[in-house]
Amino acid sequence: MSKSIKELSQMDGRVYVYLRTAAIAKEFLKQAETEGFTFCDGIKPTERKGEEIMAVNPDLTLNYVGTNGRIAYGSGVKYIGNRRLIRIDYEKLISKNK
């Protein structure tokens, strides 16, 4: 079975999750909320709109990825600062769970 979002948050590195469509983003936010995630300001995931790339943090928070993070995600770099960049395609993750 594939990893939960909570398991992704505990990986050793900076976890960026790719959400190809609005429907996939909505499903991701719903699952994240079910697993106890919030945004950094305490707002529940389903109260906000998902973006194409979202960050999953070890403290069970989510955040949007800014311009530099998007460039890093698409560039093939292996590290952001001193943390390994981990790219997850949520659609592939959930298809493995079915």
Protein backbone atom coordinates (compact mmCIF):
# COMPACT_ATOMS: atom_id res chain seq x y z
CA MET A 1 0.00 0.00 0.00
CA SER A 2 1.20 3.51 -0.76
CA LYS A 3 1.99 6.20 1.74
CA SER A 4 -0.53 8.45 3.48
CA ILE A 5 0.01 12.20 3.47
CA LYS A 6 1.08 11.95 7.09
CA GLU A 7 3.77 9.43 6.09
CA LEU A 8 4.92 11.80 3.34
CA SER A 9 5.32 14.55 5.94
CA GLN A 10 7.80 12.40 7.85
CA MET A 11 10.10 11.78 4.88
CA ASP A 12 13.64 13.13 5.16
CA GLY A 13 13.48 16.24 3.01
CA ARG A 14 11.23 18.98 1.66
CA VAL A 15 8.08 17.30 0.29
CA TYR A 16 6.35 18.95 -2.67
CA VAL A 17 3.14 17.33 -3.93
CA TYR A 18 2.06 17.78 -7.54
CA LEU A 19 -1.69 18.12 -8.07
CA ARG A 20 -2.44 17.92 -11.80
CA THR A 21 -6.12 19.01 -11.73
CA ALA A 22 -8.49 20.94 -9.48
CA ALA A 23 -10.33 17.68 -8.73
CA ILE A 24 -7.12 15.98 -7.62
CA ALA A 25 -6.22 19.02 -5.50
CA LYS A 26 -9.64 18.89 -3.83
CA GLU A 27 -9.19 15.20 -3.05
CA PHE A 28 -5.69 15.88 -1.64
CA LEU A 29 -6.99 18.66 0.64
CA LYS A 30 -9.84 16.46 1.85
CA GLN A 31 -7.46 13.60 2.68
CA ALA A 32 -5.00 15.97 4.35
CA GLU A 33 -7.75 17.35 6.57
CA THR A 34 -8.89 13.82 7.48
CA GLU A 35 -5.30 13.05 8.52
CA GLY A 36 -5.14 16.10 10.82
CA PHE A 37 -3.38 18.66 8.61
CA THR A 38 -4.04 22.39 8.63
CA PHE A 39 -2.47 25.34 6.88
CA CYS A 40 0.24 27.12 8.88
CA ASP A 41 -2.34 29.65 10.12
CA GLY A 42 -4.67 26.92 11.43
CA ILE A 43 -7.17 27.03 8.56
CA LYS A 44 -8.56 23.63 7.53
CA PRO A 45 -7.36 22.42 4.12
CA THR A 46 -10.87 22.14 2.66
CA GLU A 47 -11.50 25.82 3.42
CA ARG A 48 -8.92 26.82 0.80
CA LYS A 49 -8.27 26.11 -2.85
CA GLY A 50 -5.46 23.77 -3.81
CA GLU A 51 -2.63 24.80 -6.12
CA GLU A 52 -0.66 22.76 -8.65
CA ILE A 53 2.17 22.23 -6.14
CA MET A 54 1.68 22.10 -2.37
CA ALA A 55 4.22 21.56 0.39
CA VAL A 56 3.66 19.00 3.15
CA ASN A 57 5.47 19.77 6.41
CA PRO A 58 6.58 17.53 9.32
CA ASP A 59 4.41 19.50 11.78
CA LEU A 60 1.26 18.40 9.87
CA THR A 61 0.81 21.71 8.09
CA LEU A 62 0.47 22.47 4.41
CA ASN A 63 1.58 25.52 2.51
CA TYR A 64 1.52 26.92 -0.98
CA VAL A 65 4.76 26.81 -2.96
CA GLY A 66 6.00 30.16 -4.24
CA THR A 67 7.84 31.05 -7.42
CA ASN A 68 11.27 29.86 -6.28
CA GLY A 69 9.85 26.55 -5.08
CA ARG A 70 8.03 26.04 -8.39
CA ILE A 71 11.24 26.72 -10.29
CA ALA A 72 13.10 24.26 -8.06
CA TYR A 73 10.37 21.63 -8.55
CA GLY A 74 10.53 21.87 -12.32
CA SER A 75 14.29 22.29 -12.67
CA GLY A 76 15.41 18.87 -11.51
CA VAL A 77 17.46 20.17 -8.57
CA LYS A 78 17.96 17.63 -5.82
CA TYR A 79 18.15 20.02 -2.82
CA ILE A 80 16.47 23.15 -1.55
CA GLY A 81 19.04 24.68 0.76
CA ASN A 82 20.34 21.72 2.73
CA ARG A 83 17.14 19.65 2.45
CA ARG A 84 16.53 17.04 -0.21
CA LEU A 85 13.62 17.93 -2.53
CA ILE A 86 11.10 15.10 -2.66
CA ARG A 87 8.61 15.27 -5.55
CA ILE A 88 5.35 13.35 -5.15
CA ASP A 89 2.68 13.03 -7.84
CA TYR A 90 -0.50 12.71 -5.77
CA GLU A 91 -2.49 11.21 -8.63
CA LYS A 92 0.01 8.34 -8.93
CA LEU A 93 0.07 7.95 -5.15
CA ILE A 94 -3.68 7.53 -4.86
CA SER A 95 -3.90 5.24 -7.89
CA LYS A 96 -1.52 2.86 -6.05
CA ASN A 97 -3.83 2.98 -3.01
CA LYS A 98 -6.87 1.75 -5.00
